[in-house]
Amino acid sequence: MFELPKLPWNPEELAPVISAETISFHYGKHHQAYVNNLNNLIKGTEFENLSLEEIIMKSSGGIFNNAAQVWNHTFYWESITPKPISQMPTGLLAEKINRDFGSFEEFKTKFSQAAATLFGSGWAWLVVDKDGKLSIVQEGNAGNPMVKGLKPLLTCDVWEHAYYIDYQNRRPDYIQQFWTIVNWKKIAERLG
């Protein structure tokens, strides 16, 4: 059985970018519901003893949606921090971003555009392929780039519950503020 993972920071620490009230609903209600739903759906099935990643790769329908949302949200929480060491990547990650997007600013513009223009609910992702090339992908609903053979590095949650309490219908404002709390240290660790 899966459990709701602990947040890597206290809920009030992301304010004013993301309020404790938003975290209360987003993490405490939505993320918890995905965990509960997944546990109920996999009970007594072939998925019951698999890892979250294995379930995502082998399932479909409701099981996939809930498993992917548990994974996606956990990944998102770990992608952000109230005290970023830097406002931009350094080292190998910075080199790869410059190589594949031209500059960090160009990457930010393209990622922000992908997040802002995703129709409906979903996720914007920075991913790396098996050849080490970085790209930006949009995934609707519970979509996860792992099923396409891509390794996620960073995600921005653009489901309305991620920002509506704080930003109402102003998704671009939320995305602009998102950059101030990206945990570039964690993103670099994921690149390896």
C-alpha atoms as a PDB file:
ATOM      1  CA  MET A   1       0.000   0.000   0.000  1.00  0.00           C
ATOM      2  CA  PHE A   2       1.194   3.467  -0.856  1.00  0.00           C
ATOM      3  CA  GLU A   3       1.343   6.367   1.570  1.00  0.00           C
ATOM      4  CA  LEU A   4       1.309  10.096   0.980  1.00  0.00           C
ATOM      5  CA  PRO A   5       4.998  11.083   0.985  1.00  0.00           C
ATOM      6  CA  LYS A   6       6.072  13.837   3.363  1.00  0.00           C
ATOM      7  CA  LEU A   7       6.654  17.262   1.866  1.00  0.00           C
ATOM      8  CA  PRO A   8      10.323  18.302   1.699  1.00  0.00           C
ATOM      9  CA  TRP A   9       9.459  21.649   3.366  1.00  0.00           C
ATOM     10  CA  ASN A  10       6.710  23.074   5.605  1.00  0.00           C
ATOM     11  CA  PRO A  11       3.481  24.106   3.805  1.00  0.00           C
ATOM     12  CA  GLU A  12       3.731  27.779   4.790  1.00  0.00           C
ATOM     13  CA  GLU A  13       7.328  28.147   3.568  1.00  0.00           C
ATOM     14  CA  LEU A  14       6.476  28.603  -0.125  1.00  0.00           C
ATOM     15  CA  ALA A  15       4.383  31.728   0.520  1.00  0.00           C
ATOM     16  CA  PRO A  16       3.837  34.130  -1.096  1.00  0.00           C
ATOM     17  CA  VAL A  17       4.506  32.133  -4.287  1.00  0.00           C
ATOM     18  CA  ILE A  18       2.255  29.268  -3.173  1.00  0.00           C
ATOM     19  CA  SER A  19       0.151  29.755  -0.055  1.00  0.00           C
ATOM     20  CA  ALA A  20      -0.269  27.281   2.791  1.00  0.00           C
ATOM     21  CA  GLU A  21      -3.960  27.200   1.858  1.00  0.00           C
ATOM     22  CA  THR A  22      -3.131  26.005  -1.656  1.00  0.00           C
ATOM     23  CA  ILE A  23      -0.757  23.364  -0.238  1.00  0.00           C
ATOM     24  CA  SER A  24      -3.486  22.275   2.177  1.00  0.00           C
ATOM     25  CA  PHE A  25      -5.845  21.518  -0.712  1.00  0.00           C
ATOM     26  CA  HIS A  26      -3.323  20.484  -3.354  1.00  0.00           C
ATOM     27  CA  TYR A  27      -1.256  18.165  -1.161  1.00  0.00           C
ATOM     28  CA  GLY A  28      -3.640  17.390   1.677  1.00  0.00           C
ATOM     29  CA  LYS A  29      -6.736  16.742  -0.431  1.00  0.00           C
ATOM     30  CA  HIS A  30      -5.814  16.126  -4.096  1.00  0.00           C
ATOM     31  CA  HIS A  31      -2.520  14.258  -3.656  1.00  0.00           C
ATOM     32  CA  GLN A  32      -3.965  12.267  -0.743  1.00  0.00           C
ATOM     33  CA  ALA A  33      -7.021  11.332  -2.830  1.00  0.00           C
ATOM     34  CA  TYR A  34      -4.784   9.951  -5.608  1.00  0.00           C
ATOM     35  CA  VAL A  35      -2.962   7.803  -3.027  1.00  0.00           C
ATOM     36  CA  ASN A  36      -6.243   6.556  -1.551  1.00  0.00           C
ATOM     37  CA  ASN A  37      -7.769   5.856  -4.961  1.00  0.00           C
ATOM     38  CA  LEU A  38      -4.678   4.002  -6.147  1.00  0.00           C
ATOM     39  CA  ASN A  39      -4.594   1.797  -3.056  1.00  0.00           C
ATOM     40  CA  ASN A  40      -8.276   0.919  -3.518  1.00  0.00           C
ATOM     41  CA  LEU A  41      -7.855   0.216  -7.235  1.00  0.00           C
ATOM     42  CA  ILE A  42      -4.809  -2.075  -6.951  1.00  0.00           C
ATOM     43  CA  LYS A  43      -5.997  -4.132  -3.991  1.00  0.00           C
ATOM     44  CA  GLY A  44      -6.061  -7.789  -5.059  1.00  0.00           C
ATOM     45  CA  THR A  45      -4.720  -7.065  -8.569  1.00  0.00           C
ATOM     46  CA  GLU A  46      -1.477  -7.808 -10.399  1.00  0.00           C
ATOM     47  CA  PHE A  47      -0.359  -4.263  -9.498  1.00  0.00           C
ATOM     48  CA  GLU A  48      -0.671  -4.643  -5.739  1.00  0.00           C
ATOM     49  CA  ASN A  49       3.014  -5.346  -5.057  1.00  0.00           C
ATOM     50  CA  LEU A  50       4.599  -3.305  -7.854  1.00  0.00           C
ATOM     51  CA  SER A  51       6.491  -0.032  -7.467  1.00  0.00           C
ATOM     52  CA  LEU A  52       4.814   3.196  -8.551  1.00  0.00           C
ATOM     53  CA  GLU A  53       7.050   3.354 -11.636  1.00  0.00           C
ATOM     54  CA  GLU A  54       6.170  -0.235 -12.612  1.00  0.00           C
ATOM     55  CA  ILE A  55       2.464   0.491 -12.233  1.00  0.00           C
ATOM     56  CA  ILE A  56       2.789   3.608 -14.428  1.00  0.00           C
ATOM     57  CA  MET A  57       4.611   1.656 -17.137  1.00  0.00           C
ATOM     58  CA  LYS A  58       2.218  -1.340 -17.123  1.00  0.00           C
ATOM     59  CA  SER A  59      -1.243   0.069 -16.374  1.00  0.00           C
ATOM     60  CA  SER A  60      -3.974   2.082 -18.056  1.00  0.00           C
ATOM     61  CA  GLY A  61      -7.236   3.784 -17.148  1.00  0.00           C
ATOM     62  CA  GLY A  62      -7.949   4.630 -13.523  1.00  0.00           C
ATOM     63  CA  ILE A  63      -4.959   2.753 -12.137  1.00  0.00           C
ATOM     64  CA  PHE A  64      -2.569   4.600 -14.455  1.00  0.00           C
ATOM     65  CA  ASN A  65      -4.222   7.981 -13.777  1.00  0.00           C
ATOM     66  CA  ASN A  66      -3.960   7.664 -10.011  1.00  0.00           C
ATOM     67  CA  ALA A  67      -0.475   6.091  -9.982  1.00  0.00           C
ATOM     68  CA  ALA A  68       0.879   8.748 -12.344  1.00  0.00           C
ATOM     69  CA  GLN A  69      -0.714  11.546 -10.332  1.00  0.00           C
ATOM     70  CA  VAL A  70       0.837  10.222  -7.100  1.00  0.00           C
ATOM     71  CA  TRP A  71       4.253  10.084  -8.827  1.00  0.00           C
ATOM     72  CA  ASN A  72       3.857  13.409 -10.673  1.00  0.00           C
ATOM     73  CA  HIS A  73       2.863  15.296  -7.542  1.00  0.00           C
ATOM     74  CA  THR A  74       5.686  13.850  -5.453  1.00  0.00           C
ATOM     75  CA  PHE A  75       8.115  14.781  -8.240  1.00  0.00           C
ATOM     76  CA  TYR A  76       6.641  18.307  -8.392  1.00  0.00           C
ATOM     77  CA  TRP A  77       6.968  18.873  -4.627  1.00  0.00           C
ATOM     78  CA  GLU A  78      10.613  17.800  -4.811  1.00  0.00           C
ATOM     79  CA  SER A  79      11.191  20.147  -7.780  1.00  0.00           C
ATOM     80  CA  ILE A  80      10.463  23.244  -5.713  1.00  0.00           C
ATOM     81  CA  THR A  81      11.948  24.704  -2.558  1.00  0.00           C
ATOM     82  CA  PRO A  82      11.407  27.791  -0.413  1.00  0.00           C
ATOM     83  CA  LYS A  83      15.155  28.461  -0.351  1.00  0.00           C
ATOM     84  CA  PRO A  84      16.680  27.849  -3.773  1.00  0.00           C
ATOM     85  CA  ILE A  85      20.470  27.962  -3.785  1.00  0.00           C
ATOM     86  CA  SER A  86      20.333  29.669  -7.160  1.00  0.00           C
ATOM     87  CA  GLN A  87      17.751  31.173  -9.514  1.00  0.00           C
ATOM     88  CA  MET A  88      19.285  29.288 -12.412  1.00  0.00           C
ATOM     89  CA  PRO A  89      21.060  25.997 -13.057  1.00  0.00           C
ATOM     90  CA  THR A  90      24.828  25.592 -12.964  1.00  0.00           C
ATOM     91  CA  GLY A  91      27.341  22.991 -14.085  1.00  0.00           C
ATOM     92  CA  LEU A  92      26.389  20.203 -16.496  1.00  0.00           C
ATOM     93  CA  LEU A  93      22.680  21.048 -16.372  1.00  0.00           C
ATOM     94  CA  ALA A  94      23.377  24.659 -17.387  1.00  0.00           C
ATOM     95  CA  GLU A  95      25.667  23.457 -20.182  1.00  0.00           C
ATOM     96  CA  LYS A  96      23.004  21.093 -21.553  1.00  0.00           C
ATOM     97  CA  ILE A  97      20.287  23.758 -21.337  1.00  0.00           C
ATOM     98  CA  ASN A  98      22.514  26.209 -23.240  1.00  0.00           C
ATOM     99  CA  ARG A  99      23.376  23.520 -25.801  1.00  0.00           C
ATOM    100  CA  ASP A 100      19.793  22.356 -26.416  1.00  0.00           C
ATOM    101  CA  PHE A 101      17.865  25.638 -26.027  1.00  0.00           C
ATOM    102  CA  GLY A 102      20.444  28.333 -26.833  1.00  0.00           C
ATOM    103  CA  SER A 103      20.326  29.973 -23.397  1.00  0.00           C
ATOM    104  CA  PHE A 104      18.679  29.650 -20.009  1.00  0.00           C
ATOM    105  CA  GLU A 105      16.344  32.558 -20.848  1.00  0.00           C
ATOM    106  CA  GLU A 106      15.267  30.846 -24.072  1.00  0.00           C
ATOM    107  CA  PHE A 107      14.631  27.621 -22.149  1.00  0.00           C
ATOM    108  CA  LYS A 108      12.559  29.494 -19.540  1.00  0.00           C
ATOM    109  CA  THR A 109      10.520  31.176 -22.266  1.00  0.00           C
ATOM    110  CA  LYS A 110       9.807  27.885 -24.062  1.00  0.00           C
ATOM    111  CA  PHE A 111       9.017  25.991 -20.853  1.00  0.00           C
ATOM    112  CA  SER A 112       6.739  28.791 -19.627  1.00  0.00           C
ATOM    113  CA  GLN A 113       4.963  28.834 -22.977  1.00  0.00           C
ATOM    114  CA  ALA A 114       4.469  25.049 -22.846  1.00  0.00           C
ATOM    115  CA  ALA A 115       3.020  25.347 -19.333  1.00  0.00           C
ATOM    116  CA  ALA A 116       0.798  28.315 -20.194  1.00  0.00           C
ATOM    117  CA  THR A 117      -0.567  26.923 -23.461  1.00  0.00           C
ATOM    118  CA  LEU A 118      -1.353  23.374 -22.342  1.00  0.00           C
ATOM    119  CA  PHE A 119      -5.092  23.109 -22.909  1.00  0.00           C
ATOM    120  CA  GLY A 120      -6.955  22.005 -19.813  1.00  0.00           C
ATOM    121  CA  SER A 121      -5.143  20.252 -16.980  1.00  0.00           C
ATOM    122  CA  GLY A 122      -1.716  18.666 -17.003  1.00  0.00           C
ATOM    123  CA  TRP A 123       1.997  19.148 -16.721  1.00  0.00           C
ATOM    124  CA  ALA A 124       4.942  20.810 -18.474  1.00  0.00           C
ATOM    125  CA  TRP A 125       8.146  18.761 -18.257  1.00  0.00           C
ATOM    126  CA  LEU A 126      11.854  19.211 -18.863  1.00  0.00           C
ATOM    127  CA  VAL A 127      13.076  15.770 -19.906  1.00  0.00           C
ATOM    128  CA  VAL A 128      16.218  14.075 -21.141  1.00  0.00           C
ATOM    129  CA  ASP A 129      16.222  11.297 -23.729  1.00  0.00           C
ATOM    130  CA  LYS A 130      18.475   8.232 -23.888  1.00  0.00           C
ATOM    131  CA  ASP A 131      20.997  10.214 -25.968  1.00  0.00           C
ATOM    132  CA  GLY A 132      21.268  12.975 -23.351  1.00  0.00           C
ATOM    133  CA  LYS A 133      19.278  15.587 -25.309  1.00  0.00           C
ATOM    134  CA  LEU A 134      16.986  17.842 -23.296  1.00  0.00           C
ATOM    135  CA  SER A 135      13.493  18.754 -24.469  1.00  0.00           C
ATOM    136  CA  ILE A 136      10.252  20.202 -23.174  1.00  0.00           C
ATOM    137  CA  VAL A 137       7.057  18.178 -23.377  1.00  0.00           C
ATOM    138  CA  GLN A 138       3.449  18.822 -22.455  1.00  0.00           C
ATOM    139  CA  GLU A 139       1.391  16.038 -20.888  1.00  0.00           C
ATOM    140  CA  GLY A 140      -2.349  16.370 -20.398  1.00  0.00           C
ATOM    141  CA  ASN A 141      -4.164  15.109 -17.318  1.00  0.00           C
ATOM    142  CA  ALA A 142      -2.022  12.447 -15.574  1.00  0.00           C
ATOM    143  CA  GLY A 143       0.443  12.047 -18.461  1.00  0.00           C
ATOM    144  CA  ASN A 144       4.003  11.130 -17.582  1.00  0.00           C
ATOM    145  CA  PRO A 145       6.924  11.226 -20.047  1.00  0.00           C
ATOM    146  CA  MET A 146       8.431   8.021 -18.601  1.00  0.00           C
ATOM    147  CA  VAL A 147       5.973   6.008 -20.698  1.00  0.00           C
ATOM    148  CA  LYS A 148       7.628   7.516 -23.810  1.00  0.00           C
ATOM    149  CA  GLY A 149      11.112   6.504 -22.685  1.00  0.00           C
ATOM    150  CA  LEU A 150      12.017   9.982 -21.436  1.00  0.00           C
ATOM    151  CA  LYS A 151      13.568  10.782 -18.060  1.00  0.00           C
ATOM    152  CA  PRO A 152      11.819  13.634 -16.219  1.00  0.00           C
ATOM    153  CA  LEU A 153      14.018  16.350 -14.708  1.00  0.00           C
ATOM    154  CA  LEU A 154      11.581  19.148 -13.843  1.00  0.00           C
ATOM    155  CA  THR A 155       7.823  19.595 -13.918  1.00  0.00           C
ATOM    156  CA  CYS A 156       5.351  22.411 -13.441  1.00  0.00           C
ATOM    157  CA  ASP A 157       1.848  21.356 -12.401  1.00  0.00           C
ATOM    158  CA  VAL A 158      -0.730  23.340 -14.375  1.00  0.00           C
ATOM    159  CA  TRP A 159      -3.854  21.678 -13.027  1.00  0.00           C
ATOM    160  CA  GLU A 160      -6.047  24.497 -11.701  1.00  0.00           C
ATOM    161  CA  HIS A 161      -5.815  23.168  -8.142  1.00  0.00           C
ATOM    162  CA  ALA A 162      -2.076  23.985  -8.252  1.00  0.00           C
ATOM    163  CA  TYR A 163      -2.674  27.730  -8.525  1.00  0.00           C
ATOM    164  CA  TYR A 164      -6.332  28.789  -8.474  1.00  0.00           C
ATOM    165  CA  ILE A 165      -6.561  29.838  -4.808  1.00  0.00           C
ATOM    166  CA  ASP A 166      -3.536  32.125  -5.199  1.00  0.00           C
ATOM    167  CA  TYR A 167      -3.770  33.226  -8.838  1.00  0.00           C
ATOM    168  CA  GLN A 168      -7.375  32.522  -9.902  1.00  0.00           C
ATOM    169  CA  ASN A 169      -7.374  32.153 -13.706  1.00  0.00           C
ATOM    170  CA  ARG A 170      -3.937  33.797 -14.133  1.00  0.00           C
ATOM    171  CA  ARG A 171      -1.900  30.691 -14.961  1.00  0.00           C
ATOM    172  CA  PRO A 172       0.937  32.733 -16.565  1.00  0.00           C
ATOM    173  CA  ASP A 173       1.407  34.673 -13.296  1.00  0.00           C
ATOM    174  CA  TYR A 174       1.725  31.392 -11.375  1.00  0.00           C
ATOM    175  CA  ILE A 175       4.251  30.097 -13.926  1.00  0.00           C
ATOM    176  CA  GLN A 176       6.304  33.294 -13.688  1.00  0.00           C
ATOM    177  CA  GLN A 177       6.474  32.918  -9.890  1.00  0.00           C
ATOM    178  CA  PHE A 178       7.201  29.179 -10.159  1.00  0.00           C
ATOM    179  CA  TRP A 179      10.709  30.033 -11.429  1.00  0.00           C
ATOM    180  CA  THR A 180      11.574  31.703  -8.108  1.00  0.00           C
ATOM    181  CA  ILE A 181      11.164  28.415  -6.193  1.00  0.00           C
ATOM    182  CA  VAL A 182      12.677  25.856  -8.598  1.00  0.00           C
ATOM    183  CA  ASN A 183      15.130  23.589  -6.793  1.00  0.00           C
ATOM    184  CA  TRP A 184      17.953  23.609  -9.360  1.00  0.00           C
ATOM    185  CA  LYS A 185      20.137  21.493  -7.080  1.00  0.00           C
ATOM    186  CA  LYS A 186      17.540  18.685  -7.192  1.00  0.00           C
ATOM    187  CA  ILE A 187      17.041  19.041 -10.947  1.00  0.00           C
ATOM    188  CA  ALA A 188      20.813  18.739 -11.489  1.00  0.00           C
ATOM    189  CA  GLU A 189      20.912  15.600  -9.292  1.00  0.00           C
ATOM    190  CA  ARG A 190      18.207  14.033 -11.470  1.00  0.00           C
ATOM    191  CA  LEU A 191      20.281  14.659 -14.586  1.00  0.00           C
ATOM    192  CA  GLY A 192      23.087  12.695 -12.902  1.00  0.00           C
END
